[in-house]
Amino acid sequence: MKRKALRWFRLTAGSALLLLGFVGGFIPVLQGWVFVLAGLGLMAPESRRARRALDWARARVKRDKADVSSTAASREKTTDE
């Protein structure tokens, strides 16, 4: 019974955060991606789709960080010359 309640809570709260995140994507004051990631994080233990989406988002953040650092390194080389 406790496991069912926890599952229900995670899926409901995660869905609410996802919805808030998608709405936040259209409202400039609200940072939607924060709520999307939080919702996926809540839902990941219960949903295979949420887990895959969260893994994809993590990989994308790592790739973008690498792109930014390589761009910054190339800028430093051009400014030093």
PDB file of N, CA and C in Angstrom:
ATOM      1  N   MET A   1       0.822  -1.205   0.000  1.00  0.00           N
ATOM      2  CA  MET A   1       0.000   0.000   0.000  1.00  0.00           C
ATOM      3  C   MET A   1       0.866   1.269   0.000  1.00  0.00           C
ATOM      4  N   LYS A   2       1.909   1.249   0.832  1.00  0.00           N
ATOM      5  CA  LYS A   2       2.792   2.416   0.911  1.00  0.00           C
ATOM      6  C   LYS A   2       3.509   2.640  -0.423  1.00  0.00           C
ATOM      7  N   ARG A   3       3.902   1.548  -1.064  1.00  0.00           N
ATOM      8  CA  ARG A   3       4.584   1.633  -2.362  1.00  0.00           C
ATOM      9  C   ARG A   3       3.669   2.241  -3.420  1.00  0.00           C
ATOM     10  N   LYS A   4       2.389   1.860  -3.393  1.00  0.00           N
ATOM     11  CA  LYS A   4       1.422   2.408  -4.348  1.00  0.00           C
ATOM     12  C   LYS A   4       1.232   3.903  -4.133  1.00  0.00           C
ATOM     13  N   ALA A   5       1.166   4.299  -2.881  1.00  0.00           N
ATOM     14  CA  ALA A   5       0.983   5.721  -2.566  1.00  0.00           C
ATOM     15  C   ALA A   5       2.185   6.534  -3.016  1.00  0.00           C
ATOM     16  N   LEU A   6       3.379   5.994  -2.799  1.00  0.00           N
ATOM     17  CA  LEU A   6       4.599   6.694  -3.227  1.00  0.00           C
ATOM     18  C   LEU A   6       4.639   6.803  -4.748  1.00  0.00           C
ATOM     19  N   ARG A   7       4.281   5.725  -5.435  1.00  0.00           N
ATOM     20  CA  ARG A   7       4.250   5.739  -6.898  1.00  0.00           C
ATOM     21  C   ARG A   7       3.246   6.772  -7.399  1.00  0.00           C
ATOM     22  N   TRP A   8       2.069   6.791  -6.804  1.00  0.00           N
ATOM     23  CA  TRP A   8       1.024   7.743  -7.197  1.00  0.00           C
ATOM     24  C   TRP A   8       1.513   9.176  -6.980  1.00  0.00           C
ATOM     25  N   PHE A   9       2.156   9.420  -5.824  1.00  0.00           N
ATOM     26  CA  PHE A   9       2.664  10.761  -5.527  1.00  0.00           C
ATOM     27  C   PHE A   9       3.724  11.185  -6.543  1.00  0.00           C
ATOM     28  N   ARG A  10       4.678  10.293  -6.822  1.00  0.00           N
ATOM     29  CA  ARG A  10       5.748  10.640  -7.762  1.00  0.00           C
ATOM     30  C   ARG A  10       5.206  10.949  -9.150  1.00  0.00           C
ATOM     31  N   LEU A  11       4.297  10.133  -9.632  1.00  0.00           N
ATOM     32  CA  LEU A  11       3.752  10.350 -10.967  1.00  0.00           C
ATOM     33  C   LEU A  11       2.893  11.613 -11.033  1.00  0.00           C
ATOM     34  N   THR A  12       2.104  11.857  -9.995  1.00  0.00           N
ATOM     35  CA  THR A  12       1.251  13.047  -9.986  1.00  0.00           C
ATOM     36  C   THR A  12       2.074  14.331  -9.847  1.00  0.00           C
ATOM     37  N   ALA A  13       2.985  14.344  -8.883  1.00  0.00           N
ATOM     38  CA  ALA A  13       3.810  15.541  -8.682  1.00  0.00           C
ATOM     39  C   ALA A  13       4.729  15.769  -9.885  1.00  0.00           C
ATOM     40  N   GLY A  14       5.276  14.698 -10.433  1.00  0.00           N
ATOM     41  CA  GLY A  14       6.131  14.832 -11.613  1.00  0.00           C
ATOM     42  C   GLY A  14       5.368  15.368 -12.808  1.00  0.00           C
ATOM     43  N   SER A  15       4.153  14.874 -12.997  1.00  0.00           N
ATOM     44  CA  SER A  15       3.323  15.369 -14.107  1.00  0.00           C
ATOM     45  C   SER A  15       2.984  16.839 -13.926  1.00  0.00           C
ATOM     46  N   ALA A  16       2.682  17.230 -12.694  1.00  0.00           N
ATOM     47  CA  ALA A  16       2.367  18.636 -12.417  1.00  0.00           C
ATOM     48  C   ALA A  16       3.581  19.528 -12.707  1.00  0.00           C
ATOM     49  N   LEU A  17       4.762  19.075 -12.297  1.00  0.00           N
ATOM     50  CA  LEU A  17       5.973  19.856 -12.569  1.00  0.00           C
ATOM     51  C   LEU A  17       6.275  19.922 -14.057  1.00  0.00           C
ATOM     52  N   LEU A  18       6.056  18.819 -14.776  1.00  0.00           N
ATOM     53  CA  LEU A  18       6.254  18.839 -16.233  1.00  0.00           C
ATOM     54  C   LEU A  18       5.316  19.836 -16.893  1.00  0.00           C
ATOM     55  N   LEU A  19       4.064  19.818 -16.476  1.00  0.00           N
ATOM     56  CA  LEU A  19       3.085  20.753 -17.030  1.00  0.00           C
ATOM     57  C   LEU A  19       3.492  22.192 -16.734  1.00  0.00           C
ATOM     58  N   LEU A  20       3.900  22.448 -15.507  1.00  0.00           N
ATOM     59  CA  LEU A  20       4.358  23.784 -15.137  1.00  0.00           C
ATOM     60  C   LEU A  20       5.593  24.181 -15.954  1.00  0.00           C
ATOM     61  N   GLY A  21       6.479  23.228 -16.192  1.00  0.00           N
ATOM     62  CA  GLY A  21       7.664  23.504 -16.989  1.00  0.00           C
ATOM     63  C   GLY A  21       7.337  23.840 -18.431  1.00  0.00           C
ATOM     64  N   PHE A  22       6.380  23.123 -19.019  1.00  0.00           N
ATOM     65  CA  PHE A  22       6.001  23.419 -20.400  1.00  0.00           C
ATOM     66  C   PHE A  22       5.317  24.776 -20.503  1.00  0.00           C
ATOM     67  N   VAL A  23       4.487  25.109 -19.532  1.00  0.00           N
ATOM     68  CA  VAL A  23       3.867  26.438 -19.509  1.00  0.00           C
ATOM     69  C   VAL A  23       4.947  27.500 -19.317  1.00  0.00           C
ATOM     70  N   GLY A  24       5.916  27.199 -18.454  1.00  0.00           N
ATOM     71  CA  GLY A  24       7.018  28.133 -18.205  1.00  0.00           C
ATOM     72  C   GLY A  24       7.881  28.378 -19.432  1.00  0.00           C
ATOM     73  N   GLY A  25       7.847  27.466 -20.381  1.00  0.00           N
ATOM     74  CA  GLY A  25       8.597  27.670 -21.608  1.00  0.00           C
ATOM     75  C   GLY A  25       8.052  28.809 -22.446  1.00  0.00           C
ATOM     76  N   PHE A  26       6.787  29.142 -22.228  1.00  0.00           N
ATOM     77  CA  PHE A  26       6.151  30.215 -22.993  1.00  0.00           C
ATOM     78  C   PHE A  26       6.045  31.516 -22.219  1.00  0.00           C
ATOM     79  N   ILE A  27       6.303  31.469 -20.923  1.00  0.00           N
ATOM     80  CA  ILE A  27       6.238  32.665 -20.080  1.00  0.00           C
ATOM     81  C   ILE A  27       7.673  33.080 -19.747  1.00  0.00           C
ATOM     82  N   PRO A  28       8.083  34.268 -20.129  1.00  0.00           N
ATOM     83  CA  PRO A  28       9.485  34.653 -19.950  1.00  0.00           C
ATOM     84  C   PRO A  28       9.939  34.754 -18.491  1.00  0.00           C
ATOM     85  N   VAL A  29       9.037  34.967 -17.562  1.00  0.00           N
ATOM     86  CA  VAL A  29       9.415  35.139 -16.161  1.00  0.00           C
ATOM     87  C   VAL A  29       9.734  33.798 -15.504  1.00  0.00           C
ATOM     88  N   LEU A  30       9.080  32.746 -15.952  1.00  0.00           N
ATOM     89  CA  LEU A  30       9.199  31.420 -15.340  1.00  0.00           C
ATOM     90  C   LEU A  30      10.204  30.568 -16.118  1.00  0.00           C
ATOM     91  N   GLN A  31      11.201  30.048 -15.445  1.00  0.00           N
ATOM     92  CA  GLN A  31      12.200  29.191 -16.086  1.00  0.00           C
ATOM     93  C   GLN A  31      11.647  27.775 -16.199  1.00  0.00           C
ATOM     94  N   GLY A  32      11.163  27.414 -17.363  1.00  0.00           N
ATOM     95  CA  GLY A  32      10.488  26.142 -17.557  1.00  0.00           C
ATOM     96  C   GLY A  32      11.381  24.933 -17.441  1.00  0.00           C
ATOM     97  N   TRP A  33      12.627  25.019 -17.890  1.00  0.00           N
ATOM     98  CA  TRP A  33      13.491  23.847 -17.904  1.00  0.00           C
ATOM     99  C   TRP A  33      13.777  23.319 -16.511  1.00  0.00           C
ATOM    100  N   VAL A  34      13.779  24.191 -15.504  1.00  0.00           N
ATOM    101  CA  VAL A  34      14.019  23.753 -14.129  1.00  0.00           C
ATOM    102  C   VAL A  34      12.901  22.819 -13.687  1.00  0.00           C
ATOM    103  N   PHE A  35      11.670  23.187 -13.985  1.00  0.00           N
ATOM    104  CA  PHE A  35      10.527  22.375 -13.588  1.00  0.00           C
ATOM    105  C   PHE A  35      10.441  21.085 -14.398  1.00  0.00           C
ATOM    106  N   VAL A  36      10.820  21.137 -15.659  1.00  0.00           N
ATOM    107  CA  VAL A  36      10.826  19.927 -16.483  1.00  0.00           C
ATOM    108  C   VAL A  36      11.829  18.923 -15.919  1.00  0.00           C
ATOM    109  N   LEU A  37      13.023  19.374 -15.591  1.00  0.00           N
ATOM    110  CA  LEU A  37      14.028  18.473 -15.038  1.00  0.00           C
ATOM    111  C   LEU A  37      13.606  17.922 -13.674  1.00  0.00           C
ATOM    112  N   ALA A  38      12.997  18.759 -12.854  1.00  0.00           N
ATOM    113  CA  ALA A  38      12.518  18.289 -11.553  1.00  0.00           C
ATOM    114  C   ALA A  38      11.408  17.255 -11.727  1.00  0.00           C
ATOM    115  N   GLY A  39      10.510  17.499 -12.651  1.00  0.00           N
ATOM    116  CA  GLY A  39       9.431  16.548 -12.909  1.00  0.00           C
ATOM    117  C   GLY A  39       9.958  15.226 -13.430  1.00  0.00           C
ATOM    118  N   LEU A  40      10.913  15.285 -14.349  1.00  0.00           N
ATOM    119  CA  LEU A  40      11.511  14.050 -14.859  1.00  0.00           C
ATOM    120  C   LEU A  40      12.264  13.306 -13.758  1.00  0.00           C
ATOM    121  N   GLY A  41      12.924  14.055 -12.894  1.00  0.00           N
ATOM    122  CA  GLY A  41      13.635  13.438 -11.780  1.00  0.00           C
ATOM    123  C   GLY A  41      12.704  12.715 -10.819  1.00  0.00           C
ATOM    124  N   LEU A  42      11.550  13.291 -10.579  1.00  0.00           N
ATOM    125  CA  LEU A  42      10.566  12.629  -9.720  1.00  0.00           C
ATOM    126  C   LEU A  42       9.973  11.392 -10.379  1.00  0.00           C
ATOM    127  N   MET A  43       9.736  11.470 -11.661  1.00  0.00           N
ATOM    128  CA  MET A  43       9.072  10.384 -12.358  1.00  0.00           C
ATOM    129  C   MET A  43      10.024   9.264 -12.789  1.00  0.00           C
ATOM    130  N   ALA A  44      11.315   9.522 -12.844  1.00  0.00           N
ATOM    131  CA  ALA A  44      12.283   8.560 -13.385  1.00  0.00           C
ATOM    132  C   ALA A  44      12.260   7.186 -12.704  1.00  0.00           C
ATOM    133  N   PRO A  45      12.135   7.105 -11.380  1.00  0.00           N
ATOM    134  CA  PRO A  45      12.108   5.760 -10.775  1.00  0.00           C
ATOM    135  C   PRO A  45      10.868   4.935 -11.156  1.00  0.00           C
ATOM    136  N   GLU A  46       9.828   5.598 -11.597  1.00  0.00           N
ATOM    137  CA  GLU A  46       8.568   4.915 -11.889  1.00  0.00           C
ATOM    138  C   GLU A  46       8.282   4.752 -13.376  1.00  0.00           C
ATOM    139  N   SER A  47       8.959   5.503 -14.226  1.00  0.00           N
ATOM    140  CA  SER A  47       8.623   5.521 -15.641  1.00  0.00           C
ATOM    141  C   SER A  47       9.874   5.377 -16.503  1.00  0.00           C
ATOM    142  N   ARG A  48       9.849   4.425 -17.401  1.00  0.00           N
ATOM    143  CA  ARG A  48      10.980   4.205 -18.301  1.00  0.00           C
ATOM    144  C   ARG A  48      11.166   5.394 -19.249  1.00  0.00           C
ATOM    145  N   ARG A  49      10.066   5.955 -19.721  1.00  0.00           N
ATOM    146  CA  ARG A  49      10.152   7.113 -20.621  1.00  0.00           C
ATOM    147  C   ARG A  49      10.793   8.312 -19.943  1.00  0.00           C
ATOM    148  N   ALA A  50      10.383   8.558 -18.690  1.00  0.00           N
ATOM    149  CA  ALA A  50      10.954   9.683 -17.947  1.00  0.00           C
ATOM    150  C   ALA A  50      12.447   9.455 -17.707  1.00  0.00           C
ATOM    151  N   ARG A  51      12.834   8.221 -17.424  1.00  0.00           N
ATOM    152  CA  ARG A  51      14.242   7.904 -17.196  1.00  0.00           C
ATOM    153  C   ARG A  51      15.063   8.139 -18.458  1.00  0.00           C
ATOM    154  N   ARG A  52      14.534   7.715 -19.604  1.00  0.00           N
ATOM    155  CA  ARG A  52      15.249   7.936 -20.867  1.00  0.00           C
ATOM    156  C   ARG A  52      15.354   9.418 -21.190  1.00  0.00           C
ATOM    157  N   ALA A  53      14.276  10.170 -20.949  1.00  0.00           N
ATOM    158  CA  ALA A  53      14.295  11.612 -21.218  1.00  0.00           C
ATOM    159  C   ALA A  53      15.297  12.318 -20.308  1.00  0.00           C
ATOM    160  N   LEU A  54      15.361  11.900 -19.051  1.00  0.00           N
ATOM    161  CA  LEU A  54      16.310  12.496 -18.113  1.00  0.00           C
ATOM    162  C   LEU A  54      17.749  12.156 -18.509  1.00  0.00           C
ATOM    163  N   ASP A  55      17.992  10.929 -18.945  1.00  0.00           N
ATOM    164  CA  ASP A  55      19.327  10.547 -19.418  1.00  0.00           C
ATOM    165  C   ASP A  55      19.715  11.356 -20.650  1.00  0.00           C
ATOM    166  N   TRP A  56      18.766  11.558 -21.555  1.00  0.00           N
ATOM    167  CA  TRP A  56      19.023  12.361 -22.750  1.00  0.00           C
ATOM    168  C   TRP A  56      19.382  13.796 -22.358  1.00  0.00           C
ATOM    169  N   ALA A  57      18.630  14.357 -21.405  1.00  0.00           N
ATOM    170  CA  ALA A  57      18.881  15.738 -20.978  1.00  0.00           C
ATOM    171  C   ALA A  57      20.258  15.859 -20.326  1.00  0.00           C
ATOM    172  N   ARG A  58      20.628  14.877 -19.514  1.00  0.00           N
ATOM    173  CA  ARG A  58      21.956  14.906 -18.885  1.00  0.00           C
ATOM    174  C   ARG A  58      23.058  14.845 -19.929  1.00  0.00           C
ATOM    175  N   ALA A  59      22.897  13.971 -20.916  1.00  0.00           N
ATOM    176  CA  ALA A  59      23.903  13.850 -21.976  1.00  0.00           C
ATOM    177  C   ALA A  59      23.999  15.148 -22.768  1.00  0.00           C
ATOM    178  N   ARG A  60      22.881  15.779 -23.007  1.00  0.00           N
ATOM    179  CA  ARG A  60      22.874  17.038 -23.758  1.00  0.00           C
ATOM    180  C   ARG A  60      23.591  18.146 -22.986  1.00  0.00           C
ATOM    181  N   VAL A  61      23.349  18.195 -21.676  1.00  0.00           N
ATOM    182  CA  VAL A  61      24.019  19.209 -20.850  1.00  0.00           C
ATOM    183  C   VAL A  61      25.528  18.978 -20.871  1.00  0.00           C
ATOM    184  N   LYS A  62      25.955  17.721 -20.759  1.00  0.00           N
ATOM    185  CA  LYS A  62      27.391  17.430 -20.801  1.00  0.00           C
ATOM    186  C   LYS A  62      27.987  17.837 -22.142  1.00  0.00           C
ATOM    187  N   ARG A  63      27.276  17.535 -23.226  1.00  0.00           N
ATOM    188  CA  ARG A  63      27.771  17.879 -24.558  1.00  0.00           C
ATOM    189  C   ARG A  63      27.845  19.392 -24.728  1.00  0.00           C
ATOM    190  N   ASP A  64      26.824  20.096 -24.257  1.00  0.00           N
ATOM    191  CA  ASP A  64      26.825  21.554 -24.374  1.00  0.00           C
ATOM    192  C   ASP A  64      27.933  22.182 -23.529  1.00  0.00           C
ATOM    193  N   LYS A  65      28.193  21.622 -22.346  1.00  0.00           N
ATOM    194  CA  LYS A  65      29.291  22.125 -21.521  1.00  0.00           C
ATOM    195  C   LYS A  65      30.621  21.958 -22.230  1.00  0.00           C
ATOM    196  N   ALA A  66      30.805  20.812 -22.866  1.00  0.00           N
ATOM    197  CA  ALA A  66      32.049  20.562 -23.595  1.00  0.00           C
ATOM    198  C   ALA A  66      32.182  21.536 -24.763  1.00  0.00           C
ATOM    199  N   ASP A  67      31.091  21.812 -25.456  1.00  0.00           N
ATOM    200  CA  ASP A  67      31.129  22.764 -26.568  1.00  0.00           C
ATOM    201  C   ASP A  67      31.479  24.163 -26.080  1.00  0.00           C
ATOM    202  N   VAL A  68      30.908  24.558 -24.964  1.00  0.00           N
ATOM    203  CA  VAL A  68      31.170  25.895 -24.420  1.00  0.00           C
ATOM    204  C   VAL A  68      32.620  26.013 -23.978  1.00  0.00           C
ATOM    205  N   SER A  69      33.136  24.987 -23.312  1.00  0.00           N
ATOM    206  CA  SER A  69      34.525  25.073 -22.843  1.00  0.00           C
ATOM    207  C   SER A  69      35.503  25.061 -24.008  1.00  0.00           C
ATOM    208  N   SER A  70      35.203  24.293 -25.063  1.00  0.00           N
ATOM    209  CA  SER A  70      36.110  24.294 -26.211  1.00  0.00           C
ATOM    210  C   SER A  70      36.046  25.628 -26.956  1.00  0.00           C
ATOM    211  N   THR A  71      34.882  26.246 -26.999  1.00  0.00           N
ATOM    212  CA  THR A  71      34.748  27.557 -27.630  1.00  0.00           C
ATOM    213  C   THR A  71      35.503  28.611 -26.823  1.00  0.00           C
ATOM    214  N   ALA A  72      35.399  28.530 -25.504  1.00  0.00           N
ATOM    215  CA  ALA A  72      36.106  29.485 -24.655  1.00  0.00           C
ATOM    216  C   ALA A  72      37.612  29.313 -24.796  1.00  0.00           C
ATOM    217  N   ALA A  73      38.071  28.070 -24.905  1.00  0.00           N
ATOM    218  CA  ALA A  73      39.503  27.824 -25.058  1.00  0.00           C
ATOM    219  C   ALA A  73      40.007  28.365 -26.391  1.00  0.00           C
ATOM    220  N   SER A  74      39.217  28.212 -27.434  1.00  0.00           N
ATOM    221  CA  SER A  74      39.649  28.730 -28.737  1.00  0.00           C
ATOM    222  C   SER A  74      39.640  30.252 -28.753  1.00  0.00           C
ATOM    223  N   ARG A  75      38.719  30.864 -28.008  1.00  0.00           N
ATOM    224  CA  ARG A  75      38.712  32.328 -27.914  1.00  0.00           C
ATOM    225  C   ARG A  75      39.942  32.836 -27.193  1.00  0.00           C
ATOM    226  N   GLU A  76      40.352  32.129 -26.140  1.00  0.00           N
ATOM    227  CA  GLU A  76      41.540  32.545 -25.397  1.00  0.00           C
ATOM    228  C   GLU A  76      42.777  32.483 -26.290  1.00  0.00           C
ATOM    229  N   LYS A  77      42.856  31.465 -27.136  1.00  0.00           N
ATOM    230  CA  LYS A  77      44.002  31.347 -28.036  1.00  0.00           C
ATOM    231  C   LYS A  77      44.047  32.508 -29.019  1.00  0.00           C
ATOM    232  N   THR A  78      42.893  32.912 -29.544  1.00  0.00           N
ATOM    233  CA  THR A  78      42.861  33.997 -30.531  1.00  0.00           C
ATOM    234  C   THR A  78      43.133  35.340 -29.873  1.00  0.00           C
ATOM    235  N   THR A  79      42.732  35.536 -28.636  1.00  0.00           N
ATOM    236  CA  THR A  79      42.974  36.821 -27.978  1.00  0.00           C
ATOM    237  C   THR A  79      44.420  36.936 -27.503  1.00  0.00           C
ATOM    238  N   ASP A  80      45.068  35.803 -27.230  1.00  0.00           N
ATOM    239  CA  ASP A  80      46.465  35.837 -26.796  1.00  0.00           C
ATOM    240  C   ASP A  80      47.414  36.167 -27.930  1.00  0.00           C
ATOM    241  N   GLU A  81      47.031  35.880 -29.148  1.00  0.00           N
ATOM    242  CA  GLU A  81      47.922  36.073 -30.289  1.00  0.00           C
ATOM    243  C   GLU A  81      47.979  37.482 -30.751  1.00  0.00           C
TER     244      GLU A  81
END
